Amino acid sequence: MEKRVLFDFEIEFTNGGGIQGQEFRLDIEGDDITDEELARYIVEDMRLLMVGKVRILNKKIINEKHKRKPADEK
């Protein structure tokens, strides 16, 4: 079965403000992902700039079919 990570996040911007996500799901390879890897992925995938602190909360790995097609498959 494919794995996904279910989590909440909070991102603060260095120029003020921030964004939050609740019960966000993301396809992952393997059985786990570190909070640091997850934070980096969110920031890069959403193309966020001027990011300060990123908090990952309530993270759990779930068995669920991947939703996103691999980058080499279009």
PDB file of N, CA and C in Angstrom:
ATOM      1  N   MET A   1       0.830  -1.187   0.000  1.00  0.00           N
ATOM      2  CA  MET A   1       0.000   0.000   0.000  1.00  0.00           C
ATOM      3  C   MET A   1       0.875   1.251   0.000  1.00  0.00           C
ATOM      4  N   GLU A   2       0.469   2.253  -0.706  1.00  0.00           N
ATOM      5  CA  GLU A   2       1.208   3.505  -0.765  1.00  0.00           C
ATOM      6  C   GLU A   2       1.004   4.296   0.526  1.00  0.00           C
ATOM      7  N   LYS A   3       1.970   5.149   0.828  1.00  0.00           N
ATOM      8  CA  LYS A   3       1.940   5.922   2.070  1.00  0.00           C
ATOM      9  C   LYS A   3       1.712   7.396   1.780  1.00  0.00           C
ATOM     10  N   ARG A   4       0.997   8.045   2.687  1.00  0.00           N
ATOM     11  CA  ARG A   4       0.799   9.488   2.666  1.00  0.00           C
ATOM     12  C   ARG A   4       1.013   9.980   4.084  1.00  0.00           C
ATOM     13  N   VAL A   5       1.343  11.242   4.207  1.00  0.00           N
ATOM     14  CA  VAL A   5       1.475  11.834   5.526  1.00  0.00           C
ATOM     15  C   VAL A   5       0.327  12.831   5.693  1.00  0.00           C
ATOM     16  N   LEU A   6      -0.311  12.774   6.845  1.00  0.00           N
ATOM     17  CA  LEU A   6      -1.421  13.651   7.210  1.00  0.00           C
ATOM     18  C   LEU A   6      -0.914  14.537   8.337  1.00  0.00           C
ATOM     19  N   PHE A   7      -1.039  15.854   8.197  1.00  0.00           N
ATOM     20  CA  PHE A   7      -0.448  16.752   9.188  1.00  0.00           C
ATOM     21  C   PHE A   7      -1.071  18.143   9.135  1.00  0.00           C
ATOM     22  N   ASP A   8      -0.803  18.914  10.172  1.00  0.00           N
ATOM     23  CA  ASP A   8      -1.138  20.334  10.223  1.00  0.00           C
ATOM     24  C   ASP A   8       0.182  21.085  10.121  1.00  0.00           C
ATOM     25  N   PHE A   9       0.128  22.337   9.642  1.00  0.00           N
ATOM     26  CA  PHE A   9       1.344  23.139   9.607  1.00  0.00           C
ATOM     27  C   PHE A   9       1.039  24.609   9.842  1.00  0.00           C
ATOM     28  N   GLU A  10       2.046  25.306  10.316  1.00  0.00           N
ATOM     29  CA  GLU A  10       1.995  26.755  10.490  1.00  0.00           C
ATOM     30  C   GLU A  10       3.290  27.319   9.910  1.00  0.00           C
ATOM     31  N   ILE A  11       3.171  28.328   9.074  1.00  0.00           N
ATOM     32  CA  ILE A  11       4.339  28.971   8.483  1.00  0.00           C
ATOM     33  C   ILE A  11       4.281  30.460   8.790  1.00  0.00           C
ATOM     34  N   GLU A  12       5.374  30.977   9.354  1.00  0.00           N
ATOM     35  CA  GLU A  12       5.502  32.410   9.617  1.00  0.00           C
ATOM     36  C   GLU A  12       6.414  33.001   8.551  1.00  0.00           C
ATOM     37  N   PHE A  13       6.070  34.202   8.087  1.00  0.00           N
ATOM     38  CA  PHE A  13       6.890  34.902   7.112  1.00  0.00           C
ATOM     39  C   PHE A  13       7.729  35.970   7.800  1.00  0.00           C
ATOM     40  N   THR A  14       8.928  36.180   7.298  1.00  0.00           N
ATOM     41  CA  THR A  14       9.841  37.137   7.920  1.00  0.00           C
ATOM     42  C   THR A  14       9.370  38.577   7.742  1.00  0.00           C
ATOM     43  N   ASN A  15       8.502  38.834   6.769  1.00  0.00           N
ATOM     44  CA  ASN A  15       7.986  40.181   6.551  1.00  0.00           C
ATOM     45  C   ASN A  15       6.585  40.366   7.148  1.00  0.00           C
ATOM     46  N   GLY A  16       6.198  39.434   8.032  1.00  0.00           N
ATOM     47  CA  GLY A  16       4.896  39.516   8.699  1.00  0.00           C
ATOM     48  C   GLY A  16       3.893  38.544   8.106  1.00  0.00           C
ATOM     49  N   GLY A  17       2.923  38.176   8.910  1.00  0.00           N
ATOM     50  CA  GLY A  17       1.870  37.278   8.463  1.00  0.00           C
ATOM     51  C   GLY A  17       2.291  35.823   8.480  1.00  0.00           C
ATOM     52  N   GLY A  18       1.391  34.981   8.000  1.00  0.00           N
ATOM     53  CA  GLY A  18       1.666  33.560   7.961  1.00  0.00           C
ATOM     54  C   GLY A  18       0.505  32.809   7.345  1.00  0.00           C
ATOM     55  N   ILE A  19       0.671  31.515   7.183  1.00  0.00           N
ATOM     56  CA  ILE A  19      -0.395  30.648   6.682  1.00  0.00           C
ATOM     57  C   ILE A  19      -0.438  29.383   7.529  1.00  0.00           C
ATOM     58  N   GLN A  20      -1.593  28.744   7.520  1.00  0.00           N
ATOM     59  CA  GLN A  20      -1.784  27.490   8.249  1.00  0.00           C
ATOM     60  C   GLN A  20      -2.482  26.493   7.330  1.00  0.00           C
ATOM     61  N   GLY A  21      -2.247  25.234   7.601  1.00  0.00           N
ATOM     62  CA  GLY A  21      -2.949  24.167   6.905  1.00  0.00           C
ATOM     63  C   GLY A  21      -3.359  23.112   7.921  1.00  0.00           C
ATOM     64  N   GLN A  22      -4.573  22.620   7.811  1.00  0.00           N
ATOM     65  CA  GLN A  22      -5.058  21.579   8.710  1.00  0.00           C
ATOM     66  C   GLN A  22      -5.411  20.332   7.914  1.00  0.00           C
ATOM     67  N   GLU A  23      -5.022  19.190   8.455  1.00  0.00           N
ATOM     68  CA  GLU A  23      -5.280  17.883   7.856  1.00  0.00           C
ATOM     69  C   GLU A  23      -4.806  17.835   6.394  1.00  0.00           C
ATOM     70  N   PHE A  24      -3.639  18.422   6.154  1.00  0.00           N
ATOM     71  CA  PHE A  24      -3.013  18.441   4.841  1.00  0.00           C
ATOM     72  C   PHE A  24      -2.481  17.047   4.558  1.00  0.00           C
ATOM     73  N   ARG A  25      -2.610  16.570   3.340  1.00  0.00           N
ATOM     74  CA  ARG A  25      -2.125  15.236   2.957  1.00  0.00           C
ATOM     75  C   ARG A  25      -1.103  15.367   1.850  1.00  0.00           C
ATOM     76  N   LEU A  26      -0.087  14.536   1.943  1.00  0.00           N
ATOM     77  CA  LEU A  26       1.000  14.586   0.968  1.00  0.00           C
ATOM     78  C   LEU A  26       1.499  13.175   0.702  1.00  0.00           C
ATOM     79  N   ASP A  27       1.664  12.834  -0.571  1.00  0.00           N
ATOM     80  CA  ASP A  27       2.239  11.542  -0.949  1.00  0.00           C
ATOM     81  C   ASP A  27       3.696  11.500  -0.503  1.00  0.00           C
ATOM     82  N   ILE A  28       4.139  10.364   0.016  1.00  0.00           N
ATOM     83  CA  ILE A  28       5.543  10.203   0.382  1.00  0.00           C
ATOM     84  C   ILE A  28       6.060   8.876  -0.150  1.00  0.00           C
ATOM     85  N   GLU A  29       7.374   8.835  -0.310  1.00  0.00           N
ATOM     86  CA  GLU A  29       8.058   7.595  -0.663  1.00  0.00           C
ATOM     87  C   GLU A  29       8.550   6.990   0.642  1.00  0.00           C
ATOM     88  N   GLY A  30       8.409   5.713   0.810  1.00  0.00           N
ATOM     89  CA  GLY A  30       8.868   5.064   2.026  1.00  0.00           C
ATOM     90  C   GLY A  30       7.837   5.131   3.140  1.00  0.00           C
ATOM     91  N   ASP A  31       8.313   4.833   4.354  1.00  0.00           N
ATOM     92  CA  ASP A  31       7.412   4.713   5.495  1.00  0.00           C
ATOM     93  C   ASP A  31       7.401   5.912   6.426  1.00  0.00           C
ATOM     94  N   ASP A  32       8.250   6.920   6.172  1.00  0.00           N
ATOM     95  CA  ASP A  32       8.314   8.060   7.084  1.00  0.00           C
ATOM     96  C   ASP A  32       8.944   9.253   6.383  1.00  0.00           C
ATOM     97  N   ILE A  33       8.781  10.429   6.979  1.00  0.00           N
ATOM     98  CA  ILE A  33       9.401  11.657   6.502  1.00  0.00           C
ATOM     99  C   ILE A  33       9.654  12.521   7.731  1.00  0.00           C
ATOM    100  N   THR A  34      10.814  13.158   7.782  1.00  0.00           N
ATOM    101  CA  THR A  34      11.115  13.997   8.947  1.00  0.00           C
ATOM    102  C   THR A  34      10.354  15.314   8.844  1.00  0.00           C
ATOM    103  N   ASP A  35      10.198  15.975   9.987  1.00  0.00           N
ATOM    104  CA  ASP A  35       9.540  17.280   9.991  1.00  0.00           C
ATOM    105  C   ASP A  35      10.309  18.275   9.127  1.00  0.00           C
ATOM    106  N   GLU A  36      11.636  18.199   9.157  1.00  0.00           N
ATOM    107  CA  GLU A  36      12.466  19.109   8.373  1.00  0.00           C
ATOM    108  C   GLU A  36      12.259  18.876   6.876  1.00  0.00           C
ATOM    109  N   GLU A  37      12.216  17.617   6.451  1.00  0.00           N
ATOM    110  CA  GLU A  37      11.980  17.303   5.039  1.00  0.00           C
ATOM    111  C   GLU A  37      10.591  17.776   4.614  1.00  0.00           C
ATOM    112  N   LEU A  38       9.622  17.556   5.472  1.00  0.00           N
ATOM    113  CA  LEU A  38       8.246  17.947   5.193  1.00  0.00           C
ATOM    114  C   LEU A  38       8.134  19.464   5.062  1.00  0.00           C
ATOM    115  N   ALA A  39       8.741  20.199   5.971  1.00  0.00           N
ATOM    116  CA  ALA A  39       8.720  21.663   5.925  1.00  0.00           C
ATOM    117  C   ALA A  39       9.368  22.164   4.628  1.00  0.00           C
ATOM    118  N   ARG A  40      10.521  21.608   4.287  1.00  0.00           N
ATOM    119  CA  ARG A  40      11.230  22.005   3.071  1.00  0.00           C
ATOM    120  C   ARG A  40      10.369  21.728   1.836  1.00  0.00           C
ATOM    121  N   TYR A  41       9.711  20.575   1.811  1.00  0.00           N
ATOM    122  CA  TYR A  41       8.876  20.212   0.670  1.00  0.00           C
ATOM    123  C   TYR A  41       7.720  21.203   0.510  1.00  0.00           C
ATOM    124  N   ILE A  42       7.046  21.539   1.600  1.00  0.00           N
ATOM    125  CA  ILE A  42       5.911  22.468   1.538  1.00  0.00           C
ATOM    126  C   ILE A  42       6.359  23.811   0.978  1.00  0.00           C
ATOM    127  N   VAL A  43       7.430  24.349   1.531  1.00  0.00           N
ATOM    128  CA  VAL A  43       7.934  25.663   1.123  1.00  0.00           C
ATOM    129  C   VAL A  43       8.317  25.657  -0.360  1.00  0.00           C
ATOM    130  N   GLU A  44       9.040  24.636  -0.804  1.00  0.00           N
ATOM    131  CA  GLU A  44       9.464  24.566  -2.199  1.00  0.00           C
ATOM    132  C   GLU A  44       8.297  24.318  -3.145  1.00  0.00           C
ATOM    133  N   ASP A  45       7.396  23.407  -2.791  1.00  0.00           N
ATOM    134  CA  ASP A  45       6.290  23.060  -3.672  1.00  0.00           C
ATOM    135  C   ASP A  45       5.306  24.214  -3.821  1.00  0.00           C
ATOM    136  N   MET A  46       5.116  24.994  -2.758  1.00  0.00           N
ATOM    137  CA  MET A  46       4.204  26.135  -2.801  1.00  0.00           C
ATOM    138  C   MET A  46       4.911  27.407  -3.268  1.00  0.00           C
ATOM    139  N   ARG A  47       6.226  27.293  -3.514  1.00  0.00           N
ATOM    140  CA  ARG A  47       7.048  28.417  -3.981  1.00  0.00           C
ATOM    141  C   ARG A  47       6.934  29.627  -3.063  1.00  0.00           C
ATOM    142  N   LEU A  48       7.023  29.372  -1.757  1.00  0.00           N
ATOM    143  CA  LEU A  48       6.914  30.441  -0.775  1.00  0.00           C
ATOM    144  C   LEU A  48       8.242  31.160  -0.612  1.00  0.00           C
ATOM    145  N   LEU A  49       8.167  32.467  -0.414  1.00  0.00           N
ATOM    146  CA  LEU A  49       9.345  33.293  -0.206  1.00  0.00           C
ATOM    147  C   LEU A  49       9.293  33.916   1.177  1.00  0.00           C
ATOM    148  N   MET A  50      10.435  34.342   1.658  1.00  0.00           N
ATOM    149  CA  MET A  50      10.554  35.044   2.937  1.00  0.00           C
ATOM    150  C   MET A  50       9.953  34.237   4.094  1.00  0.00           C
ATOM    151  N   VAL A  51      10.235  32.940   4.081  1.00  0.00           N
ATOM    152  CA  VAL A  51       9.719  32.033   5.104  1.00  0.00           C
ATOM    153  C   VAL A  51      10.604  32.094   6.343  1.00  0.00           C
ATOM    154  N   GLY A  52       9.963  32.249   7.485  1.00  0.00           N
ATOM    155  CA  GLY A  52      10.674  32.228   8.759  1.00  0.00           C
ATOM    156  C   GLY A  52      10.556  30.852   9.383  1.00  0.00           C
ATOM    157  N   LYS A  53       9.739  30.760  10.395  1.00  0.00           N
ATOM    158  CA  LYS A  53       9.570  29.510  11.136  1.00  0.00           C
ATOM    159  C   LYS A  53       8.476  28.644  10.501  1.00  0.00           C
ATOM    160  N   VAL A  54       8.737  27.338  10.419  1.00  0.00           N
ATOM    161  CA  VAL A  54       7.747  26.363   9.942  1.00  0.00           C
ATOM    162  C   VAL A  54       7.542  25.341  11.052  1.00  0.00           C
ATOM    163  N   ARG A  55       6.290  25.150  11.449  1.00  0.00           N
ATOM    164  CA  ARG A  55       5.964  24.152  12.467  1.00  0.00           C
ATOM    165  C   ARG A  55       5.092  23.061  11.841  1.00  0.00           C
ATOM    166  N   ILE A  56       5.486  21.818  12.088  1.00  0.00           N
ATOM    167  CA  ILE A  56       4.714  20.653  11.648  1.00  0.00           C
ATOM    168  C   ILE A  56       4.047  20.079  12.898  1.00  0.00           C
ATOM    169  N   LEU A  57       2.745  19.874  12.829  1.00  0.00           N
ATOM    170  CA  LEU A  57       1.978  19.421  13.989  1.00  0.00           C
ATOM    171  C   LEU A  57       1.123  18.215  13.623  1.00  0.00           C
ATOM    172  N   ASN A  58       0.865  17.371  14.598  1.00  0.00           N
ATOM    173  CA  ASN A  58      -0.079  16.247  14.452  1.00  0.00           C
ATOM    174  C   ASN A  58       0.211  15.353  13.249  1.00  0.00           C
ATOM    175  N   LYS A  59       1.485  15.091  12.997  1.00  0.00           N
ATOM    176  CA  LYS A  59       1.891  14.294  11.833  1.00  0.00           C
ATOM    177  C   LYS A  59       1.616  12.817  12.075  1.00  0.00           C
ATOM    178  N   LYS A  60       1.004  12.179  11.075  1.00  0.00           N
ATOM    179  CA  LYS A  60       0.878  10.718  11.115  1.00  0.00           C
ATOM    180  C   LYS A  60       0.927  10.169   9.702  1.00  0.00           C
ATOM    181  N   ILE A  61       1.511   8.995   9.589  1.00  0.00           N
ATOM    182  CA  ILE A  61       1.638   8.304   8.303  1.00  0.00           C
ATOM    183  C   ILE A  61       0.413   7.416   8.134  1.00  0.00           C
ATOM    184  N   ILE A  62      -0.196   7.491   6.956  1.00  0.00           N
ATOM    185  CA  ILE A  62      -1.391   6.689   6.690  1.00  0.00           C
ATOM    186  C   ILE A  62      -1.185   5.865   5.415  1.00  0.00           C
ATOM    187  N   ASN A  63      -1.909   4.770   5.315  1.00  0.00           N
ATOM    188  CA  ASN A  63      -1.926   3.955   4.102  1.00  0.00           C
ATOM    189  C   ASN A  63      -3.041   4.482   3.218  1.00  0.00           C
ATOM    190  N   GLU A  64      -2.662   5.027   2.074  1.00  0.00           N
ATOM    191  CA  GLU A  64      -3.646   5.595   1.162  1.00  0.00           C
ATOM    192  C   GLU A  64      -2.993   5.730  -0.207  1.00  0.00           C
ATOM    193  N   LYS A  65      -3.756   5.491  -1.236  1.00  0.00           N
ATOM    194  CA  LYS A  65      -3.238   5.573  -2.606  1.00  0.00           C
ATOM    195  C   LYS A  65      -2.744   6.987  -2.889  1.00  0.00           C
ATOM    196  N   HIS A  66      -1.606   7.078  -3.587  1.00  0.00           N
ATOM    197  CA  HIS A  66      -1.057   8.374  -3.981  1.00  0.00           C
ATOM    198  C   HIS A  66      -2.034   9.100  -4.910  1.00  0.00           C
ATOM    199  N   LYS A  67      -2.106  10.400  -4.769  1.00  0.00           N
ATOM    200  CA  LYS A  67      -3.014  11.215  -5.582  1.00  0.00           C
ATOM    201  C   LYS A  67      -2.285  11.926  -6.723  1.00  0.00           C
ATOM    202  N   ARG A  68      -1.012  12.224  -6.530  1.00  0.00           N
ATOM    203  CA  ARG A  68      -0.246  12.980  -7.520  1.00  0.00           C
ATOM    204  C   ARG A  68       0.535  12.014  -8.398  1.00  0.00           C
ATOM    205  N   LYS A  69       0.536  12.273  -9.698  1.00  0.00           N
ATOM    206  CA  LYS A  69       1.308  11.439 -10.613  1.00  0.00           C
ATOM    207  C   LYS A  69       2.791  11.764 -10.445  1.00  0.00           C
ATOM    208  N   PRO A  70       3.663  10.775 -10.594  1.00  0.00           N
ATOM    209  CA  PRO A  70       5.102  11.038 -10.538  1.00  0.00           C
ATOM    210  C   PRO A  70       5.500  12.095 -11.571  1.00  0.00           C
ATOM    211  N   ALA A  71       6.553  12.865 -11.285  1.00  0.00           N
ATOM    212  CA  ALA A  71       6.993  13.950 -12.158  1.00  0.00           C
ATOM    213  C   ALA A  71       7.329  13.481 -13.572  1.00  0.00           C
ATOM    214  N   ASP A  72       7.819  12.240 -13.708  1.00  0.00           N
ATOM    215  CA  ASP A  72       8.203  11.737 -15.029  1.00  0.00           C
ATOM    216  C   ASP A  72       7.007  11.148 -15.798  1.00  0.00           C
ATOM    217  N   GLU A  73       5.830  11.187 -15.208  1.00  0.00           N
ATOM    218  CA  GLU A  73       4.622  10.635 -15.827  1.00  0.00           C
ATOM    219  C   GLU A  73       3.603  11.759 -15.995  1.00  0.00           C
ATOM    220  N   LYS A  74       3.319  12.165 -17.230  1.00  0.00           N
ATOM    221  CA  LYS A  74       2.374  13.277 -17.451  1.00  0.00           C
ATOM    222  C   LYS A  74       1.248  12.906 -18.338  1.00  0.00           C
TER     223      LYS A  74
END
